[in-house]
Amino acid sequence: MKRTRKQPAAKSIATDRLNHVPSSEEIAVCAYIIWEREGCPHGRALEHWLQAEAQLRLAHSTTT
């Protein structure tokens, strides 16, 4: 008989919130909105992508 360890529900939920990875499509849409809001600057795609990913992770952690 194999024993499994279960995490307490609260810890599991907190871990899920921190580990949520937004989809590429979600990040792309958010990055595009950031890009437009900043006046469509060239050469900052990675910065906008990372900013969008961080915003989406934060939004998920505070709403779930």
PDB file of N, CA and C in Angstrom:
ATOM      1  N   MET A   1       0.847  -1.177   0.000  1.00  0.00           N
ATOM      2  CA  MET A   1       0.000   0.000   0.000  1.00  0.00           C
ATOM      3  C   MET A   1       0.896   1.244   0.000  1.00  0.00           C
ATOM      4  N   LYS A   2       0.681   2.083  -0.954  1.00  0.00           N
ATOM      5  CA  LYS A   2       1.487   3.296  -1.091  1.00  0.00           C
ATOM      6  C   LYS A   2       0.829   4.444  -0.333  1.00  0.00           C
ATOM      7  N   ARG A   3       1.625   5.105   0.482  1.00  0.00           N
ATOM      8  CA  ARG A   3       1.115   6.255   1.228  1.00  0.00           C
ATOM      9  C   ARG A   3       1.381   7.529   0.444  1.00  0.00           C
ATOM     10  N   THR A   4       0.437   8.406   0.447  1.00  0.00           N
ATOM     11  CA  THR A   4       0.609   9.706  -0.197  1.00  0.00           C
ATOM     12  C   THR A   4       0.469  10.789   0.853  1.00  0.00           C
ATOM     13  N   ARG A   5       1.220  11.829   0.660  1.00  0.00           N
ATOM     14  CA  ARG A   5       1.150  12.962   1.580  1.00  0.00           C
ATOM     15  C   ARG A   5       0.265  14.018   0.965  1.00  0.00           C
ATOM     16  N   LYS A   6      -0.679  14.486   1.731  1.00  0.00           N
ATOM     17  CA  LYS A   6      -1.564  15.548   1.263  1.00  0.00           C
ATOM     18  C   LYS A   6      -1.181  16.848   1.952  1.00  0.00           C
ATOM     19  N   GLN A   7      -1.116  17.893   1.150  1.00  0.00           N
ATOM     20  CA  GLN A   7      -0.878  19.216   1.723  1.00  0.00           C
ATOM     21  C   GLN A   7      -2.195  19.753   2.251  1.00  0.00           C
ATOM     22  N   PRO A   8      -2.133  20.574   3.275  1.00  0.00           N
ATOM     23  CA  PRO A   8      -3.363  21.229   3.718  1.00  0.00           C
ATOM     24  C   PRO A   8      -3.935  22.058   2.575  1.00  0.00           C
ATOM     25  N   ALA A   9      -5.245  22.141   2.524  1.00  0.00           N
ATOM     26  CA  ALA A   9      -5.908  22.842   1.419  1.00  0.00           C
ATOM     27  C   ALA A   9      -5.431  24.280   1.274  1.00  0.00           C
ATOM     28  N   ALA A  10      -5.277  25.003   2.371  1.00  0.00           N
ATOM     29  CA  ALA A  10      -4.863  26.408   2.293  1.00  0.00           C
ATOM     30  C   ALA A  10      -3.490  26.538   1.661  1.00  0.00           C
ATOM     31  N   LYS A  11      -2.568  25.681   2.028  1.00  0.00           N
ATOM     32  CA  LYS A  11      -1.225  25.747   1.455  1.00  0.00           C
ATOM     33  C   LYS A  11      -1.267  25.415  -0.032  1.00  0.00           C
ATOM     34  N   SER A  12      -2.063  24.437  -0.392  1.00  0.00           N
ATOM     35  CA  SER A  12      -2.186  24.042  -1.786  1.00  0.00           C
ATOM     36  C   SER A  12      -2.734  25.191  -2.633  1.00  0.00           C
ATOM     37  N   ILE A  13      -3.733  25.868  -2.129  1.00  0.00           N
ATOM     38  CA  ILE A  13      -4.323  26.999  -2.860  1.00  0.00           C
ATOM     39  C   ILE A  13      -3.308  28.120  -2.995  1.00  0.00           C
ATOM     40  N   ALA A  14      -2.580  28.430  -1.928  1.00  0.00           N
ATOM     41  CA  ALA A  14      -1.571  29.485  -1.984  1.00  0.00           C
ATOM     42  C   ALA A  14      -0.492  29.142  -2.987  1.00  0.00           C
ATOM     43  N   THR A  15      -0.068  27.894  -3.009  1.00  0.00           N
ATOM     44  CA  THR A  15       0.960  27.454  -3.955  1.00  0.00           C
ATOM     45  C   THR A  15       0.442  27.571  -5.387  1.00  0.00           C
ATOM     46  N   ASP A  16      -0.795  27.181  -5.619  1.00  0.00           N
ATOM     47  CA  ASP A  16      -1.385  27.288  -6.960  1.00  0.00           C
ATOM     48  C   ASP A  16      -1.418  28.730  -7.430  1.00  0.00           C
ATOM     49  N   ARG A  17      -1.735  29.635  -6.518  1.00  0.00           N
ATOM     50  CA  ARG A  17      -1.781  31.050  -6.885  1.00  0.00           C
ATOM     51  C   ARG A  17      -0.416  31.550  -7.319  1.00  0.00           C
ATOM     52  N   LEU A  18       0.610  31.174  -6.577  1.00  0.00           N
ATOM     53  CA  LEU A  18       1.958  31.632  -6.894  1.00  0.00           C
ATOM     54  C   LEU A  18       2.506  30.986  -8.156  1.00  0.00           C
ATOM     55  N   ASN A  19       2.083  29.782  -8.445  1.00  0.00           N
ATOM     56  CA  ASN A  19       2.609  29.041  -9.585  1.00  0.00           C
ATOM     57  C   ASN A  19       1.776  29.187 -10.849  1.00  0.00           C
ATOM     58  N   HIS A  20       0.728  29.986 -10.812  1.00  0.00           N
ATOM     59  CA  HIS A  20      -0.105  30.162 -12.001  1.00  0.00           C
ATOM     60  C   HIS A  20       0.725  30.774 -13.127  1.00  0.00           C
ATOM     61  N   VAL A  21       0.669  30.135 -14.270  1.00  0.00           N
ATOM     62  CA  VAL A  21       1.379  30.643 -15.438  1.00  0.00           C
ATOM     63  C   VAL A  21       0.331  31.029 -16.475  1.00  0.00           C
ATOM     64  N   PRO A  22       0.215  32.319 -16.775  1.00  0.00           N
ATOM     65  CA  PRO A  22      -0.748  32.751 -17.791  1.00  0.00           C
ATOM     66  C   PRO A  22      -0.379  32.153 -19.150  1.00  0.00           C
ATOM     67  N   SER A  23      -1.371  31.965 -19.997  1.00  0.00           N
ATOM     68  CA  SER A  23      -1.107  31.432 -21.333  1.00  0.00           C
ATOM     69  C   SER A  23      -0.381  32.482 -22.176  1.00  0.00           C
ATOM     70  N   SER A  24       0.282  32.010 -23.206  1.00  0.00           N
ATOM     71  CA  SER A  24       0.986  32.923 -24.124  1.00  0.00           C
ATOM     72  C   SER A  24       0.025  33.920 -24.743  1.00  0.00           C
ATOM     73  N   GLU A  25      -1.184  33.465 -25.041  1.00  0.00           N
ATOM     74  CA  GLU A  25      -2.181  34.358 -25.637  1.00  0.00           C
ATOM     75  C   GLU A  25      -2.590  35.454 -24.657  1.00  0.00           C
ATOM     76  N   GLU A  26      -2.803  35.100 -23.397  1.00  0.00           N
ATOM     77  CA  GLU A  26      -3.153  36.098 -22.382  1.00  0.00           C
ATOM     78  C   GLU A  26      -2.041  37.128 -22.240  1.00  0.00           C
ATOM     79  N   ILE A  27      -0.802  36.657 -22.195  1.00  0.00           N
ATOM     80  CA  ILE A  27       0.338  37.560 -22.043  1.00  0.00           C
ATOM     81  C   ILE A  27       0.457  38.470 -23.259  1.00  0.00           C
ATOM     82  N   ALA A  28       0.294  37.902 -24.452  1.00  0.00           N
ATOM     83  CA  ALA A  28       0.413  38.691 -25.683  1.00  0.00           C
ATOM     84  C   ALA A  28      -0.617  39.813 -25.732  1.00  0.00           C
ATOM     85  N   VAL A  29      -1.842  39.510 -25.360  1.00  0.00           N
ATOM     86  CA  VAL A  29      -2.901  40.532 -25.372  1.00  0.00           C
ATOM     87  C   VAL A  29      -2.584  41.632 -24.371  1.00  0.00           C
ATOM     88  N   CYS A  30      -2.178  41.237 -23.177  1.00  0.00           N
ATOM     89  CA  CYS A  30      -1.847  42.214 -22.140  1.00  0.00           C
ATOM     90  C   CYS A  30      -0.637  43.055 -22.556  1.00  0.00           C
ATOM     91  N   ALA A  31       0.388  42.420 -23.119  1.00  0.00           N
ATOM     92  CA  ALA A  31       1.582  43.145 -23.571  1.00  0.00           C
ATOM     93  C   ALA A  31       1.226  44.145 -24.668  1.00  0.00           C
ATOM     94  N   TYR A  32       0.328  43.759 -25.556  1.00  0.00           N
ATOM     95  CA  TYR A  32      -0.109  44.657 -26.630  1.00  0.00           C
ATOM     96  C   TYR A  32      -0.804  45.891 -26.053  1.00  0.00           C
ATOM     97  N   ILE A  33      -1.637  45.667 -25.049  1.00  0.00           N
ATOM     98  CA  ILE A  33      -2.338  46.784 -24.411  1.00  0.00           C
ATOM     99  C   ILE A  33      -1.330  47.727 -23.746  1.00  0.00           C
ATOM    100  N   ILE A  34      -0.339  47.151 -23.068  1.00  0.00           N
ATOM    101  CA  ILE A  34       0.713  47.967 -22.443  1.00  0.00           C
ATOM    102  C   ILE A  34       1.462  48.751 -23.509  1.00  0.00           C
ATOM    103  N   TRP A  35       1.820  48.088 -24.609  1.00  0.00           N
ATOM    104  CA  TRP A  35       2.542  48.716 -25.719  1.00  0.00           C
ATOM    105  C   TRP A  35       1.750  49.899 -26.274  1.00  0.00           C
ATOM    106  N   GLU A  36       0.463  49.692 -26.506  1.00  0.00           N
ATOM    107  CA  GLU A  36      -0.384  50.785 -27.015  1.00  0.00           C
ATOM    108  C   GLU A  36      -0.472  51.935 -26.016  1.00  0.00           C
ATOM    109  N   ARG A  37      -0.664  51.604 -24.746  1.00  0.00           N
ATOM    110  CA  ARG A  37      -0.800  52.622 -23.696  1.00  0.00           C
ATOM    111  C   ARG A  37       0.457  53.480 -23.599  1.00  0.00           C
ATOM    112  N   GLU A  38       1.630  52.885 -23.883  1.00  0.00           N
ATOM    113  CA  GLU A  38       2.893  53.620 -23.799  1.00  0.00           C
ATOM    114  C   GLU A  38       3.269  54.317 -25.110  1.00  0.00           C
ATOM    115  N   GLY A  39       2.345  54.340 -26.063  1.00  0.00           N
ATOM    116  CA  GLY A  39       2.582  55.075 -27.300  1.00  0.00           C
ATOM    117  C   GLY A  39       3.262  54.277 -28.399  1.00  0.00           C
ATOM    118  N   CYS A  40       3.171  52.947 -28.348  1.00  0.00           N
ATOM    119  CA  CYS A  40       3.713  52.050 -29.378  1.00  0.00           C
ATOM    120  C   CYS A  40       5.219  52.201 -29.595  1.00  0.00           C
ATOM    121  N   PRO A  41       6.016  52.201 -28.512  1.00  0.00           N
ATOM    122  CA  PRO A  41       7.467  52.349 -28.679  1.00  0.00           C
ATOM    123  C   PRO A  41       8.089  51.085 -29.276  1.00  0.00           C
ATOM    124  N   HIS A  42       9.132  51.265 -30.062  1.00  0.00           N
ATOM    125  CA  HIS A  42       9.841  50.135 -30.666  1.00  0.00           C
ATOM    126  C   HIS A  42      10.939  49.654 -29.726  1.00  0.00           C
ATOM    127  N   GLY A  43      11.268  48.358 -29.808  1.00  0.00           N
ATOM    128  CA  GLY A  43      12.396  47.815 -29.079  1.00  0.00           C
ATOM    129  C   GLY A  43      12.149  47.466 -27.617  1.00  0.00           C
ATOM    130  N   ARG A  44      10.890  47.427 -27.203  1.00  0.00           N
ATOM    131  CA  ARG A  44      10.605  47.138 -25.795  1.00  0.00           C
ATOM    132  C   ARG A  44       9.665  45.945 -25.634  1.00  0.00           C
ATOM    133  N   ALA A  45       9.647  45.075 -26.646  1.00  0.00           N
ATOM    134  CA  ALA A  45       8.726  43.938 -26.641  1.00  0.00           C
ATOM    135  C   ALA A  45       8.956  43.027 -25.435  1.00  0.00           C
ATOM    136  N   LEU A  46      10.213  42.707 -25.136  1.00  0.00           N
ATOM    137  CA  LEU A  46      10.495  41.829 -24.005  1.00  0.00           C
ATOM    138  C   LEU A  46      10.068  42.474 -22.699  1.00  0.00           C
ATOM    139  N   GLU A  47      10.349  43.747 -22.547  1.00  0.00           N
ATOM    140  CA  GLU A  47       9.942  44.465 -21.335  1.00  0.00           C
ATOM    141  C   GLU A  47       8.427  44.416 -21.151  1.00  0.00           C
ATOM    142  N   HIS A  48       7.701  44.653 -22.249  1.00  0.00           N
ATOM    143  CA  HIS A  48       6.238  44.621 -22.174  1.00  0.00           C
ATOM    144  C   HIS A  48       5.731  43.210 -21.885  1.00  0.00           C
ATOM    145  N   TRP A  49       6.374  42.209 -22.472  1.00  0.00           N
ATOM    146  CA  TRP A  49       5.983  40.815 -22.254  1.00  0.00           C
ATOM    147  C   TRP A  49       6.137  40.457 -20.769  1.00  0.00           C
ATOM    148  N   LEU A  50       7.291  40.790 -20.196  1.00  0.00           N
ATOM    149  CA  LEU A  50       7.547  40.463 -18.797  1.00  0.00           C
ATOM    150  C   LEU A  50       6.625  41.238 -17.859  1.00  0.00           C
ATOM    151  N   GLN A  51       6.358  42.472 -18.204  1.00  0.00           N
ATOM    152  CA  GLN A  51       5.447  43.291 -17.404  1.00  0.00           C
ATOM    153  C   GLN A  51       4.036  42.694 -17.450  1.00  0.00           C
ATOM    154  N   ALA A  52       3.607  42.273 -18.623  1.00  0.00           N
ATOM    155  CA  ALA A  52       2.278  41.673 -18.774  1.00  0.00           C
ATOM    156  C   ALA A  52       2.185  40.372 -17.986  1.00  0.00           C
ATOM    157  N   GLU A  53       3.213  39.543 -18.069  1.00  0.00           N
ATOM    158  CA  GLU A  53       3.211  38.283 -17.336  1.00  0.00           C
ATOM    159  C   GLU A  53       3.114  38.530 -15.828  1.00  0.00           C
ATOM    160  N   ALA A  54       3.875  39.490 -15.339  1.00  0.00           N
ATOM    161  CA  ALA A  54       3.848  39.817 -13.910  1.00  0.00           C
ATOM    162  C   ALA A  54       2.474  40.336 -13.489  1.00  0.00           C
ATOM    163  N   GLN A  55       1.876  41.190 -14.309  1.00  0.00           N
ATOM    164  CA  GLN A  55       0.556  41.737 -13.996  1.00  0.00           C
ATOM    165  C   GLN A  55      -0.495  40.626 -13.938  1.00  0.00           C
ATOM    166  N   LEU A  56      -0.426  39.702 -14.888  1.00  0.00           N
ATOM    167  CA  LEU A  56      -1.404  38.620 -14.923  1.00  0.00           C
ATOM    168  C   LEU A  56      -1.231  37.667 -13.741  1.00  0.00           C
ATOM    169  N   ARG A  57       0.005  37.381 -13.376  1.00  0.00           N
ATOM    170  CA  ARG A  57       0.239  36.524 -12.208  1.00  0.00           C
ATOM    171  C   ARG A  57      -0.296  37.197 -10.941  1.00  0.00           C
ATOM    172  N   LEU A  58      -0.021  38.487 -10.798  1.00  0.00           N
ATOM    173  CA  LEU A  58      -0.509  39.232  -9.631  1.00  0.00           C
ATOM    174  C   LEU A  58      -2.030  39.259  -9.593  1.00  0.00           C
ATOM    175  N   ALA A  59      -2.633  39.520 -10.736  1.00  0.00           N
ATOM    176  CA  ALA A  59      -4.097  39.566 -10.808  1.00  0.00           C
ATOM    177  C   ALA A  59      -4.679  38.215 -10.412  1.00  0.00           C
ATOM    178  N   HIS A  60      -4.067  37.131 -10.856  1.00  0.00           N
ATOM    179  CA  HIS A  60      -4.574  35.799 -10.520  1.00  0.00           C
ATOM    180  C   HIS A  60      -4.398  35.514  -9.039  1.00  0.00           C
ATOM    181  N   SER A  61      -3.303  35.947  -8.459  1.00  0.00           N
ATOM    182  CA  SER A  61      -3.047  35.654  -7.049  1.00  0.00           C
ATOM    183  C   SER A  61      -3.968  36.431  -6.113  1.00  0.00           C
ATOM    184  N   THR A  62      -4.469  37.563  -6.567  1.00  0.00           N
ATOM    185  CA  THR A  62      -5.333  38.357  -5.704  1.00  0.00           C
ATOM    186  C   THR A  62      -6.820  38.079  -5.922  1.00  0.00           C
ATOM    187  N   THR A  63      -7.179  37.386  -7.007  1.00  0.00           N
ATOM    188  CA  THR A  63      -8.573  37.126  -7.289  1.00  0.00           C
ATOM    189  C   THR A  63      -8.981  35.693  -7.053  1.00  0.00           C
ATOM    190  N   THR A  64      -8.026  34.801  -6.872  1.00  0.00           N
ATOM    191  CA  THR A  64      -8.369  33.392  -6.720  1.00  0.00           C
ATOM    192  C   THR A  64      -8.420  33.001  -5.281  1.00  0.00           C
TER     193      THR A  64
END
